[in-house]
Amino acid sequence: MMKDMIISGGKNIYSAEVENAVSGHPGVLDVAVVGDLHEVYGETVVAVIVPADPENPPTLESIREHAAQTLAKFKLPRKVLCRDIPRNPSGKILKHRLRDAVRAESAGGVSPVGGS
């Protein structure tokens, strides 16, 4: 089984560790963390969230500030996206679909993960 890990600047970042830190933010209902491609660092940390209040989602700064209480700076999300988090019938996050959607969006393509 492959570990759910992001490698950024040669450092290993476990998605679950970042998800645990971000999930404690009062404005976050649900979170999944994936790596987005970066030409210098290899990957960067992206937090995909379902905001508790869709009309007033938390800012990247507030999420980074909250997560910095327990995470090293290099593990903090560089980007936050608000979207549905795809899951299989048993509730497991479909990280591969989410990662593909984030990378397609970053590349200027159309995201395969919708809001339905």
PDB file of N, CA and C in Angstrom:
ATOM      1  N   MET A   1       0.843  -1.196   0.000  1.00  0.00           N
ATOM      2  CA  MET A   1       0.000   0.000   0.000  1.00  0.00           C
ATOM      3  C   MET A   1       0.879   1.248   0.000  1.00  0.00           C
ATOM      4  N   MET A   2       0.604   2.174  -0.902  1.00  0.00           N
ATOM      5  CA  MET A   2       1.370   3.396  -0.978  1.00  0.00           C
ATOM      6  C   MET A   2       0.888   4.378   0.086  1.00  0.00           C
ATOM      7  N   LYS A   3       1.831   5.016   0.748  1.00  0.00           N
ATOM      8  CA  LYS A   3       1.479   6.023   1.749  1.00  0.00           C
ATOM      9  C   LYS A   3       0.938   7.257   1.033  1.00  0.00           C
ATOM     10  N   ASP A   4       0.001   7.934   1.679  1.00  0.00           N
ATOM     11  CA  ASP A   4      -0.572   9.153   1.123  1.00  0.00           C
ATOM     12  C   ASP A   4       0.361  10.299   1.498  1.00  0.00           C
ATOM     13  N   MET A   5       1.347  10.538   0.630  1.00  0.00           N
ATOM     14  CA  MET A   5       2.398  11.473   0.946  1.00  0.00           C
ATOM     15  C   MET A   5       2.619  12.465  -0.186  1.00  0.00           C
ATOM     16  N   ILE A   6       2.990  13.677   0.206  1.00  0.00           N
ATOM     17  CA  ILE A   6       3.356  14.737  -0.726  1.00  0.00           C
ATOM     18  C   ILE A   6       4.851  14.958  -0.526  1.00  0.00           C
ATOM     19  N   ILE A   7       5.598  15.046  -1.615  1.00  0.00           N
ATOM     20  CA  ILE A   7       7.028  15.323  -1.505  1.00  0.00           C
ATOM     21  C   ILE A   7       7.261  16.723  -2.050  1.00  0.00           C
ATOM     22  N   SER A   8       7.634  17.630  -1.155  1.00  0.00           N
ATOM     23  CA  SER A   8       7.808  19.036  -1.504  1.00  0.00           C
ATOM     24  C   SER A   8       9.212  19.475  -1.105  1.00  0.00           C
ATOM     25  N   GLY A   9       9.998  19.865  -2.088  1.00  0.00           N
ATOM     26  CA  GLY A   9      11.359  20.296  -1.803  1.00  0.00           C
ATOM     27  C   GLY A   9      12.185  19.209  -1.144  1.00  0.00           C
ATOM     28  N   GLY A  10      11.907  17.953  -1.485  1.00  0.00           N
ATOM     29  CA  GLY A  10      12.644  16.836  -0.922  1.00  0.00           C
ATOM     30  C   GLY A  10      12.181  16.411   0.459  1.00  0.00           C
ATOM     31  N   LYS A  11      11.166  17.069   0.993  1.00  0.00           N
ATOM     32  CA  LYS A  11      10.649  16.725   2.324  1.00  0.00           C
ATOM     33  C   LYS A  11       9.328  15.986   2.193  1.00  0.00           C
ATOM     34  N   ASN A  12       9.149  14.972   3.035  1.00  0.00           N
ATOM     35  CA  ASN A  12       7.921  14.179   3.027  1.00  0.00           C
ATOM     36  C   ASN A  12       6.865  14.820   3.915  1.00  0.00           C
ATOM     37  N   ILE A  13       5.676  14.977   3.366  1.00  0.00           N
ATOM     38  CA  ILE A  13       4.548  15.556   4.097  1.00  0.00           C
ATOM     39  C   ILE A  13       3.395  14.566   4.000  1.00  0.00           C
ATOM     40  N   TYR A  14       2.944  14.081   5.141  1.00  0.00           N
ATOM     41  CA  TYR A  14       1.821  13.149   5.156  1.00  0.00           C
ATOM     42  C   TYR A  14       0.509  13.925   5.108  1.00  0.00           C
ATOM     43  N   SER A  15      -0.321  13.609   4.122  1.00  0.00           N
ATOM     44  CA  SER A  15      -1.601  14.302   3.951  1.00  0.00           C
ATOM     45  C   SER A  15      -2.439  14.261   5.219  1.00  0.00           C
ATOM     46  N   ALA A  16      -2.481  13.106   5.889  1.00  0.00           N
ATOM     47  CA  ALA A  16      -3.316  12.957   7.086  1.00  0.00           C
ATOM     48  C   ALA A  16      -2.909  13.932   8.184  1.00  0.00           C
ATOM     49  N   GLU A  17      -1.615  14.200   8.307  1.00  0.00           N
ATOM     50  CA  GLU A  17      -1.142  15.135   9.329  1.00  0.00           C
ATOM     51  C   GLU A  17      -1.664  16.550   9.051  1.00  0.00           C
ATOM     52  N   VAL A  18      -1.616  16.957   7.784  1.00  0.00           N
ATOM     53  CA  VAL A  18      -2.106  18.284   7.404  1.00  0.00           C
ATOM     54  C   VAL A  18      -3.629  18.328   7.532  1.00  0.00           C
ATOM     55  N   GLU A  19      -4.307  17.257   7.119  1.00  0.00           N
ATOM     56  CA  GLU A  19      -5.771  17.193   7.241  1.00  0.00           C
ATOM     57  C   GLU A  19      -6.203  17.324   8.696  1.00  0.00           C
ATOM     58  N   ASN A  20      -5.504  16.660   9.603  1.00  0.00           N
ATOM     59  CA  ASN A  20      -5.843  16.762  11.027  1.00  0.00           C
ATOM     60  C   ASN A  20      -5.689  18.185  11.534  1.00  0.00           C
ATOM     61  N   ALA A  21      -4.632  18.870  11.106  1.00  0.00           N
ATOM     62  CA  ALA A  21      -4.403  20.250  11.546  1.00  0.00           C
ATOM     63  C   ALA A  21      -5.462  21.200  10.987  1.00  0.00           C
ATOM     64  N   VAL A  22      -5.796  21.041   9.714  1.00  0.00           N
ATOM     65  CA  VAL A  22      -6.772  21.934   9.065  1.00  0.00           C
ATOM     66  C   VAL A  22      -8.194  21.646   9.549  1.00  0.00           C
ATOM     67  N   SER A  23      -8.503  20.381   9.831  1.00  0.00           N
ATOM     68  CA  SER A  23      -9.874  20.020  10.219  1.00  0.00           C
ATOM     69  C   SER A  23     -10.308  20.672  11.529  1.00  0.00           C
ATOM     70  N   GLY A  24      -9.361  21.099  12.343  1.00  0.00           N
ATOM     71  CA  GLY A  24      -9.709  21.776  13.591  1.00  0.00           C
ATOM     72  C   GLY A  24     -10.124  23.225  13.413  1.00  0.00           C
ATOM     73  N   HIS A  25      -9.974  23.766  12.217  1.00  0.00           N
ATOM     74  CA  HIS A  25     -10.380  25.158  11.950  1.00  0.00           C
ATOM     75  C   HIS A  25     -11.899  25.239  12.033  1.00  0.00           C
ATOM     76  N   PRO A  26     -12.431  26.203  12.772  1.00  0.00           N
ATOM     77  CA  PRO A  26     -13.891  26.283  12.934  1.00  0.00           C
ATOM     78  C   PRO A  26     -14.662  26.521  11.635  1.00  0.00           C
ATOM     79  N   GLY A  27     -14.015  27.035  10.608  1.00  0.00           N
ATOM     80  CA  GLY A  27     -14.695  27.296   9.343  1.00  0.00           C
ATOM     81  C   GLY A  27     -14.644  26.139   8.364  1.00  0.00           C
ATOM     82  N   VAL A  28     -14.055  25.008   8.790  1.00  0.00           N
ATOM     83  CA  VAL A  28     -13.877  23.862   7.895  1.00  0.00           C
ATOM     84  C   VAL A  28     -14.770  22.708   8.331  1.00  0.00           C
ATOM     85  N   LEU A  29     -15.668  22.301   7.439  1.00  0.00           N
ATOM     86  CA  LEU A  29     -16.562  21.173   7.696  1.00  0.00           C
ATOM     87  C   LEU A  29     -15.891  19.846   7.324  1.00  0.00           C
ATOM     88  N   ASP A  30     -15.162  19.847   6.206  1.00  0.00           N
ATOM     89  CA  ASP A  30     -14.478  18.646   5.734  1.00  0.00           C
ATOM     90  C   ASP A  30     -13.229  19.092   4.985  1.00  0.00           C
ATOM     91  N   VAL A  31     -12.205  18.238   4.962  1.00  0.00           N
ATOM     92  CA  VAL A  31     -10.949  18.593   4.294  1.00  0.00           C
ATOM     93  C   VAL A  31     -10.277  17.351   3.730  1.00  0.00           C
ATOM     94  N   ALA A  32      -9.622  17.542   2.599  1.00  0.00           N
ATOM     95  CA  ALA A  32      -8.732  16.537   2.018  1.00  0.00           C
ATOM     96  C   ALA A  32      -7.517  17.295   1.496  1.00  0.00           C
ATOM     97  N   VAL A  33      -6.349  16.710   1.658  1.00  0.00           N
ATOM     98  CA  VAL A  33      -5.110  17.367   1.238  1.00  0.00           C
ATOM     99  C   VAL A  33      -4.444  16.533   0.152  1.00  0.00           C
ATOM    100  N   VAL A  34      -4.039  17.211  -0.922  1.00  0.00           N
ATOM    101  CA  VAL A  34      -3.345  16.555  -2.035  1.00  0.00           C
ATOM    102  C   VAL A  34      -2.161  17.413  -2.454  1.00  0.00           C
ATOM    103  N   GLY A  35      -1.290  16.828  -3.263  1.00  0.00           N
ATOM    104  CA  GLY A  35      -0.159  17.566  -3.798  1.00  0.00           C
ATOM    105  C   GLY A  35      -0.455  18.064  -5.196  1.00  0.00           C
ATOM    106  N   ASP A  36      -0.101  19.323  -5.439  1.00  0.00           N
ATOM    107  CA  ASP A  36      -0.208  19.893  -6.776  1.00  0.00           C
ATOM    108  C   ASP A  36       1.210  19.993  -7.333  1.00  0.00           C
ATOM    109  N   LEU A  37       1.368  19.801  -8.619  1.00  0.00           N
ATOM    110  CA  LEU A  37       2.691  19.842  -9.231  1.00  0.00           C
ATOM    111  C   LEU A  37       3.294  21.240  -9.142  1.00  0.00           C
ATOM    112  N   HIS A  38       4.601  21.290  -8.870  1.00  0.00           N
ATOM    113  CA  HIS A  38       5.328  22.554  -8.776  1.00  0.00           C
ATOM    114  C   HIS A  38       6.683  22.355  -9.439  1.00  0.00           C
ATOM    115  N   GLU A  39       7.058  23.269 -10.333  1.00  0.00           N
ATOM    116  CA  GLU A  39       8.280  23.053 -11.115  1.00  0.00           C
ATOM    117  C   GLU A  39       9.554  23.121 -10.284  1.00  0.00           C
ATOM    118  N   VAL A  40       9.541  23.805  -9.145  1.00  0.00           N
ATOM    119  CA  VAL A  40      10.728  23.900  -8.295  1.00  0.00           C
ATOM    120  C   VAL A  40      10.705  22.869  -7.176  1.00  0.00           C
ATOM    121  N   TYR A  41       9.573  22.775  -6.467  1.00  0.00           N
ATOM    122  CA  TYR A  41       9.489  21.926  -5.279  1.00  0.00           C
ATOM    123  C   TYR A  41       9.017  20.496  -5.555  1.00  0.00           C
ATOM    124  N   GLY A  42       8.610  20.215  -6.764  1.00  0.00           N
ATOM    125  CA  GLY A  42       8.046  18.897  -7.077  1.00  0.00           C
ATOM    126  C   GLY A  42       6.546  18.898  -6.865  1.00  0.00           C
ATOM    127  N   GLU A  43       6.141  19.127  -5.610  1.00  0.00           N
ATOM    128  CA  GLU A  43       4.721  19.248  -5.268  1.00  0.00           C
ATOM    129  C   GLU A  43       4.557  20.316  -4.192  1.00  0.00           C
ATOM    130  N   THR A  44       3.371  20.898  -4.141  1.00  0.00           N
ATOM    131  CA  THR A  44       3.007  21.792  -3.046  1.00  0.00           C
ATOM    132  C   THR A  44       1.714  21.278  -2.423  1.00  0.00           C
ATOM    133  N   VAL A  45       1.487  21.690  -1.185  1.00  0.00           N
ATOM    134  CA  VAL A  45       0.330  21.220  -0.420  1.00  0.00           C
ATOM    135  C   VAL A  45      -0.907  22.038  -0.780  1.00  0.00           C
ATOM    136  N   VAL A  46      -1.975  21.345  -1.160  1.00  0.00           N
ATOM    137  CA  VAL A  46      -3.259  21.983  -1.449  1.00  0.00           C
ATOM    138  C   VAL A  46      -4.310  21.368  -0.532  1.00  0.00           C
ATOM    139  N   ALA A  47      -5.016  22.231   0.204  1.00  0.00           N
ATOM    140  CA  ALA A  47      -6.123  21.776   1.052  1.00  0.00           C
ATOM    141  C   ALA A  47      -7.423  22.027   0.305  1.00  0.00           C
ATOM    142  N   VAL A  48      -8.177  20.983   0.087  1.00  0.00           N
ATOM    143  CA  VAL A  48      -9.499  21.099  -0.523  1.00  0.00           C
ATOM    144  C   VAL A  48     -10.487  21.010   0.629  1.00  0.00           C
ATOM    145  N   ILE A  49     -11.296  22.059   0.789  1.00  0.00           N
ATOM    146  CA  ILE A  49     -12.197  22.105   1.943  1.00  0.00           C
ATOM    147  C   ILE A  49     -13.656  22.219   1.531  1.00  0.00           C
ATOM    148  N   VAL A  50     -14.499  21.750   2.429  1.00  0.00           N
ATOM    149  CA  VAL A  50     -15.927  22.041   2.383  1.00  0.00           C
ATOM    150  C   VAL A  50     -16.128  23.010   3.543  1.00  0.00           C
ATOM    151  N   PRO A  51     -16.422  24.284   3.235  1.00  0.00           N
ATOM    152  CA  PRO A  51     -16.558  25.260   4.316  1.00  0.00           C
ATOM    153  C   PRO A  51     -17.825  25.045   5.133  1.00  0.00           C
ATOM    154  N   ALA A  52     -17.726  25.340   6.425  1.00  0.00           N
ATOM    155  CA  ALA A  52     -18.891  25.244   7.307  1.00  0.00           C
ATOM    156  C   ALA A  52     -19.968  26.220   6.842  1.00  0.00           C
ATOM    157  N   ASP A  53     -19.545  27.396   6.369  1.00  0.00           N
ATOM    158  CA  ASP A  53     -20.458  28.408   5.835  1.00  0.00           C
ATOM    159  C   ASP A  53     -20.024  28.723   4.405  1.00  0.00           C
ATOM    160  N   PRO A  54     -20.694  28.136   3.405  1.00  0.00           N
ATOM    161  CA  PRO A  54     -20.287  28.357   2.015  1.00  0.00           C
ATOM    162  C   PRO A  54     -20.306  29.823   1.584  1.00  0.00           C
ATOM    163  N   GLU A  55     -21.107  30.634   2.259  1.00  0.00           N
ATOM    164  CA  GLU A  55     -21.176  32.057   1.918  1.00  0.00           C
ATOM    165  C   GLU A  55     -19.986  32.835   2.477  1.00  0.00           C
ATOM    166  N   ASN A  56     -19.280  32.241   3.446  1.00  0.00           N
ATOM    167  CA  ASN A  56     -18.166  32.925   4.092  1.00  0.00           C
ATOM    168  C   ASN A  56     -17.047  31.919   4.387  1.00  0.00           C
ATOM    169  N   PRO A  57     -16.413  31.389   3.331  1.00  0.00           N
ATOM    170  CA  PRO A  57     -15.374  30.377   3.547  1.00  0.00           C
ATOM    171  C   PRO A  57     -14.140  30.980   4.218  1.00  0.00           C
ATOM    172  N   PRO A  58     -13.391  30.171   4.955  1.00  0.00           N
ATOM    173  CA  PRO A  58     -12.179  30.677   5.590  1.00  0.00           C
ATOM    174  C   PRO A  58     -11.126  31.038   4.540  1.00  0.00           C
ATOM    175  N   THR A  59     -10.269  31.979   4.867  1.00  0.00           N
ATOM    176  CA  THR A  59      -9.211  32.403   3.952  1.00  0.00           C
ATOM    177  C   THR A  59      -8.010  31.470   4.069  1.00  0.00           C
ATOM    178  N   LEU A  60      -7.166  31.500   3.060  1.00  0.00           N
ATOM    179  CA  LEU A  60      -5.919  30.740   3.106  1.00  0.00           C
ATOM    180  C   LEU A  60      -5.111  31.152   4.338  1.00  0.00           C
ATOM    181  N   GLU A  61      -5.060  32.454   4.596  1.00  0.00           N
ATOM    182  CA  GLU A  61      -4.283  32.956   5.729  1.00  0.00           C
ATOM    183  C   GLU A  61      -4.800  32.406   7.051  1.00  0.00           C
ATOM    184  N   SER A  62      -6.126  32.370   7.233  1.00  0.00           N
ATOM    185  CA  SER A  62      -6.665  31.882   8.505  1.00  0.00           C
ATOM    186  C   SER A  62      -6.427  30.380   8.661  1.00  0.00           C
ATOM    187  N   ILE A  63      -6.489  29.642   7.566  1.00  0.00           N
ATOM    188  CA  ILE A  63      -6.226  28.201   7.621  1.00  0.00           C
ATOM    189  C   ILE A  63      -4.750  27.942   7.914  1.00  0.00           C
ATOM    190  N   ARG A  64      -3.865  28.695   7.267  1.00  0.00           N
ATOM    191  CA  ARG A  64      -2.423  28.528   7.525  1.00  0.00           C
ATOM    192  C   ARG A  64      -2.086  28.891   8.970  1.00  0.00           C
ATOM    193  N   GLU A  65      -2.682  29.970   9.460  1.00  0.00           N
ATOM    194  CA  GLU A  65      -2.431  30.401  10.839  1.00  0.00           C
ATOM    195  C   GLU A  65      -2.884  29.323  11.826  1.00  0.00           C
ATOM    196  N   HIS A  66      -4.059  28.763  11.587  1.00  0.00           N
ATOM    197  CA  HIS A  66      -4.583  27.712  12.466  1.00  0.00           C
ATOM    198  C   HIS A  66      -3.690  26.464  12.410  1.00  0.00           C
ATOM    199  N   ALA A  67      -3.333  26.035  11.208  1.00  0.00           N
ATOM    200  CA  ALA A  67      -2.527  24.825  11.046  1.00  0.00           C
ATOM    201  C   ALA A  67      -1.108  25.007  11.578  1.00  0.00           C
ATOM    202  N   ALA A  68      -0.608  26.235  11.566  1.00  0.00           N
ATOM    203  CA  ALA A  68       0.756  26.510  12.041  1.00  0.00           C
ATOM    204  C   ALA A  68       0.917  26.251  13.534  1.00  0.00           C
ATOM    205  N   GLN A  69      -0.188  26.114  14.252  1.00  0.00           N
ATOM    206  CA  GLN A  69      -0.109  25.791  15.678  1.00  0.00           C
ATOM    207  C   GLN A  69       0.474  24.398  15.890  1.00  0.00           C
ATOM    208  N   THR A  70       0.315  23.511  14.914  1.00  0.00           N
ATOM    209  CA  THR A  70       0.790  22.130  15.072  1.00  0.00           C
ATOM    210  C   THR A  70       1.701  21.646  13.945  1.00  0.00           C
ATOM    211  N   LEU A  71       1.823  22.407  12.867  1.00  0.00           N
ATOM    212  CA  LEU A  71       2.619  21.957  11.722  1.00  0.00           C
ATOM    213  C   LEU A  71       3.832  22.847  11.487  1.00  0.00           C
ATOM    214  N   ALA A  72       4.903  22.242  10.964  1.00  0.00           N
ATOM    215  CA  ALA A  72       6.059  23.009  10.515  1.00  0.00           C
ATOM    216  C   ALA A  72       5.645  23.829   9.290  1.00  0.00           C
ATOM    217  N   LYS A  73       6.321  24.947   9.080  1.00  0.00           N
ATOM    218  CA  LYS A  73       5.950  25.869   8.007  1.00  0.00           C
ATOM    219  C   LYS A  73       5.902  25.191   6.630  1.00  0.00           C
ATOM    220  N   PHE A  74       6.853  24.283   6.354  1.00  0.00           N
ATOM    221  CA  PHE A  74       6.888  23.660   5.025  1.00  0.00           C
ATOM    222  C   PHE A  74       5.705  22.728   4.777  1.00  0.00           C
ATOM    223  N   LYS A  75       4.964  22.370   5.831  1.00  0.00           N
ATOM    224  CA  LYS A  75       3.802  21.486   5.683  1.00  0.00           C
ATOM    225  C   LYS A  75       2.492  22.249   5.484  1.00  0.00           C
ATOM    226  N   LEU A  76       2.521  23.556   5.638  1.00  0.00           N
ATOM    227  CA  LEU A  76       1.291  24.352   5.546  1.00  0.00           C
ATOM    228  C   LEU A  76       0.772  24.394   4.111  1.00  0.00           C
ATOM    229  N   PRO A  77      -0.562  24.405   3.949  1.00  0.00           N
ATOM    230  CA  PRO A  77      -1.127  24.510   2.597  1.00  0.00           C
ATOM    231  C   PRO A  77      -0.694  25.797   1.909  1.00  0.00           C
ATOM    232  N   ARG A  78      -0.363  25.685   0.632  1.00  0.00           N
ATOM    233  CA  ARG A  78      -0.017  26.852  -0.182  1.00  0.00           C
ATOM    234  C   ARG A  78      -1.244  27.366  -0.929  1.00  0.00           C
ATOM    235  N   LYS A  79      -2.259  26.516  -0.993  1.00  0.00           N
ATOM    236  CA  LYS A  79      -3.490  26.876  -1.701  1.00  0.00           C
ATOM    237  C   LYS A  79      -4.651  26.185  -1.001  1.00  0.00           C
ATOM    238  N   VAL A  80      -5.811  26.862  -0.989  1.00  0.00           N
ATOM    239  CA  VAL A  80      -7.041  26.270  -0.456  1.00  0.00           C
ATOM    240  C   VAL A  80      -8.111  26.390  -1.535  1.00  0.00           C
ATOM    241  N   LEU A  81      -8.771  25.277  -1.823  1.00  0.00           N
ATOM    242  CA  LEU A  81      -9.867  25.268  -2.786  1.00  0.00           C
ATOM    243  C   LEU A  81     -11.139  24.821  -2.084  1.00  0.00           C
ATOM    244  N   CYS A  82     -12.249  25.468  -2.398  1.00  0.00           N
ATOM    245  CA  CYS A  82     -13.552  25.068  -1.856  1.00  0.00           C
ATOM    246  C   CYS A  82     -14.275  24.264  -2.928  1.00  0.00           C
ATOM    247  N   ARG A  83     -14.572  23.010  -2.613  1.00  0.00           N
ATOM    248  CA  ARG A  83     -15.261  22.134  -3.555  1.00  0.00           C
ATOM    249  C   ARG A  83     -15.730  20.900  -2.818  1.00  0.00           C
ATOM    250  N   ASP A  84     -16.575  20.121  -3.488  1.00  0.00           N
ATOM    251  CA  ASP A  84     -16.978  18.829  -2.934  1.00  0.00           C
ATOM    252  C   ASP A  84     -15.777  17.893  -2.925  1.00  0.00           C
ATOM    253  N   ILE A  85     -15.741  17.009  -1.955  1.00  0.00           N
ATOM    254  CA  ILE A  85     -14.672  16.028  -1.847  1.00  0.00           C
ATOM    255  C   ILE A  85     -15.236  14.676  -2.278  1.00  0.00           C
ATOM    256  N   PRO A  86     -14.712  14.113  -3.380  1.00  0.00           N
ATOM    257  CA  PRO A  86     -15.257  12.843  -3.880  1.00  0.00           C
ATOM    258  C   PRO A  86     -14.932  11.680  -2.939  1.00  0.00           C
ATOM    259  N   ARG A  87     -15.936  10.844  -2.699  1.00  0.00           N
ATOM    260  CA  ARG A  87     -15.764   9.679  -1.821  1.00  0.00           C
ATOM    261  C   ARG A  87     -16.366   8.448  -2.489  1.00  0.00           C
ATOM    262  N   ASN A  88     -15.869   7.281  -2.094  1.00  0.00           N
ATOM    263  CA  ASN A  88     -16.455   6.035  -2.582  1.00  0.00           C
ATOM    264  C   ASN A  88     -17.669   5.697  -1.712  1.00  0.00           C
ATOM    265  N   PRO A  89     -18.416   4.649  -2.044  1.00  0.00           N
ATOM    266  CA  PRO A  89     -19.631   4.326  -1.271  1.00  0.00           C
ATOM    267  C   PRO A  89     -19.393   4.093   0.225  1.00  0.00           C
ATOM    268  N   SER A  90     -18.182   3.678   0.599  1.00  0.00           N
ATOM    269  CA  SER A  90     -17.913   3.465   2.031  1.00  0.00           C
ATOM    270  C   SER A  90     -17.388   4.721   2.717  1.00  0.00           C
ATOM    271  N   GLY A  91     -17.298   5.836   1.982  1.00  0.00           N
ATOM    272  CA  GLY A  91     -16.910   7.107   2.583  1.00  0.00           C
ATOM    273  C   GLY A  91     -15.435   7.457   2.475  1.00  0.00           C
ATOM    274  N   LYS A  92     -14.639   6.590   1.867  1.00  0.00           N
ATOM    275  CA  LYS A  92     -13.208   6.856   1.721  1.00  0.00           C
ATOM    276  C   LYS A  92     -13.004   7.920   0.642  1.00  0.00           C
ATOM    277  N   ILE A  93     -12.137   8.888   0.950  1.00  0.00           N
ATOM    278  CA  ILE A  93     -11.844   9.952  -0.010  1.00  0.00           C
ATOM    279  C   ILE A  93     -11.133   9.363  -1.225  1.00  0.00           C
ATOM    280  N   LEU A  94     -11.606   9.753  -2.402  1.00  0.00           N
ATOM    281  CA  LEU A  94     -10.993   9.314  -3.661  1.00  0.00           C
ATOM    282  C   LEU A  94      -9.879  10.299  -4.017  1.00  0.00           C
ATOM    283  N   LYS A  95      -8.725  10.117  -3.368  1.00  0.00           N
ATOM    284  CA  LYS A  95      -7.604  11.058  -3.519  1.00  0.00           C
ATOM    285  C   LYS A  95      -7.135  11.181  -4.966  1.00  0.00           C
ATOM    286  N   HIS A  96      -7.111  10.078  -5.695  1.00  0.00           N
ATOM    287  CA  HIS A  96      -6.640  10.147  -7.078  1.00  0.00           C
ATOM    288  C   HIS A  96      -7.535  11.052  -7.922  1.00  0.00           C
ATOM    289  N   ARG A  97      -8.843  10.976  -7.716  1.00  0.00           N
ATOM    290  CA  ARG A  97      -9.765  11.854  -8.468  1.00  0.00           C
ATOM    291  C   ARG A  97      -9.582  13.300  -8.052  1.00  0.00           C
ATOM    292  N   LEU A  98      -9.429  13.511  -6.752  1.00  0.00           N
ATOM    293  CA  LEU A  98      -9.264  14.871  -6.246  1.00  0.00           C
ATOM    294  C   LEU A  98      -7.949  15.468  -6.740  1.00  0.00           C
ATOM    295  N   ARG A  99      -6.882  14.692  -6.683  1.00  0.00           N
ATOM    296  CA  ARG A  99      -5.567  15.154  -7.148  1.00  0.00           C
ATOM    297  C   ARG A  99      -5.628  15.503  -8.637  1.00  0.00           C
ATOM    298  N   ASP A 100      -6.264  14.649  -9.430  1.00  0.00           N
ATOM    299  CA  ASP A 100      -6.393  14.918 -10.861  1.00  0.00           C
ATOM    300  C   ASP A 100      -7.168  16.207 -11.106  1.00  0.00           C
ATOM    301  N   ALA A 101      -8.226  16.434 -10.328  1.00  0.00           N
ATOM    302  CA  ALA A 101      -9.042  17.639 -10.485  1.00  0.00           C
ATOM    303  C   ALA A 101      -8.247  18.886 -10.126  1.00  0.00           C
ATOM    304  N   VAL A 102      -7.496  18.826  -9.033  1.00  0.00           N
ATOM    305  CA  VAL A 102      -6.689  19.972  -8.602  1.00  0.00           C
ATOM    306  C   VAL A 102      -5.627  20.287  -9.650  1.00  0.00           C
ATOM    307  N   ARG A 103      -4.981  19.257 -10.161  1.00  0.00           N
ATOM    308  CA  ARG A 103      -3.922  19.478 -11.155  1.00  0.00           C
ATOM    309  C   ARG A 103      -4.485  19.980 -12.476  1.00  0.00           C
ATOM    310  N   ALA A 104      -5.657  19.507 -12.866  1.00  0.00           N
ATOM    311  CA  ALA A 104      -6.294  19.993 -14.093  1.00  0.00           C
ATOM    312  C   ALA A 104      -6.663  21.463 -13.940  1.00  0.00           C
ATOM    313  N   GLU A 105      -7.173  21.823 -12.762  1.00  0.00           N
ATOM    314  CA  GLU A 105      -7.549  23.209 -12.507  1.00  0.00           C
ATOM    315  C   GLU A 105      -6.319  24.116 -12.535  1.00  0.00           C
ATOM    316  N   SER A 106      -5.226  23.671 -11.931  1.00  0.00           N
ATOM    317  CA  SER A 106      -3.990  24.457 -11.915  1.00  0.00           C
ATOM    318  C   SER A 106      -3.423  24.640 -13.314  1.00  0.00           C
ATOM    319  N   ALA A 107      -3.614  23.636 -14.159  1.00  0.00           N
ATOM    320  CA  ALA A 107      -3.107  23.694 -15.527  1.00  0.00           C
ATOM    321  C   ALA A 107      -4.047  24.480 -16.441  1.00  0.00           C
ATOM    322  N   GLY A 108      -5.160  24.968 -15.901  1.00  0.00           N
ATOM    323  CA  GLY A 108      -6.100  25.746 -16.686  1.00  0.00           C
ATOM    324  C   GLY A 108      -7.136  24.909 -17.398  1.00  0.00           C
ATOM    325  N   GLY A 109      -7.193  23.634 -17.060  1.00  0.00           N
ATOM    326  CA  GLY A 109      -8.163  22.740 -17.681  1.00  0.00           C
ATOM    327  C   GLY A 109      -9.472  22.740 -16.924  1.00  0.00           C
ATOM    328  N   VAL A 110     -10.369  21.910 -17.368  1.00  0.00           N
ATOM    329  CA  VAL A 110     -11.665  21.777 -16.718  1.00  0.00           C
ATOM    330  C   VAL A 110     -11.567  20.670 -15.682  1.00  0.00           C
ATOM    331  N   SER A 111     -12.037  20.959 -14.503  1.00  0.00           N
ATOM    332  CA  SER A 111     -11.967  19.999 -13.412  1.00  0.00           C
ATOM    333  C   SER A 111     -12.973  18.875 -13.595  1.00  0.00           C
ATOM    334  N   PRO A 112     -12.536  17.604 -13.444  1.00  0.00           N
ATOM    335  CA  PRO A 112     -13.470  16.489 -13.564  1.00  0.00           C
ATOM    336  C   PRO A 112     -14.320  16.260 -12.319  1.00  0.00           C
ATOM    337  N   VAL A 113     -14.027  16.962 -11.227  1.00  0.00           N
ATOM    338  CA  VAL A 113     -14.811  16.802 -10.001  1.00  0.00           C
ATOM    339  C   VAL A 113     -15.761  17.976  -9.908  1.00  0.00           C
ATOM    340  N   GLY A 114     -17.046  17.702  -9.962  1.00  0.00           N
ATOM    341  CA  GLY A 114     -18.038  18.769  -9.947  1.00  0.00           C
ATOM    342  C   GLY A 114     -18.680  18.937  -8.602  1.00  0.00           C
ATOM    343  N   GLY A 115     -19.630  19.805  -8.535  1.00  0.00           N
ATOM    344  CA  GLY A 115     -20.337  20.087  -7.300  1.00  0.00           C
ATOM    345  C   GLY A 115     -21.612  19.293  -7.149  1.00  0.00           C
ATOM    346  N   SER A 116     -21.771  18.219  -7.915  1.00  0.00           N
ATOM    347  CA  SER A 116     -23.016  17.460  -7.823  1.00  0.00           C
ATOM    348  C   SER A 116     -22.913  16.306  -6.871  1.00  0.00           C
TER     349      SER A 116
END
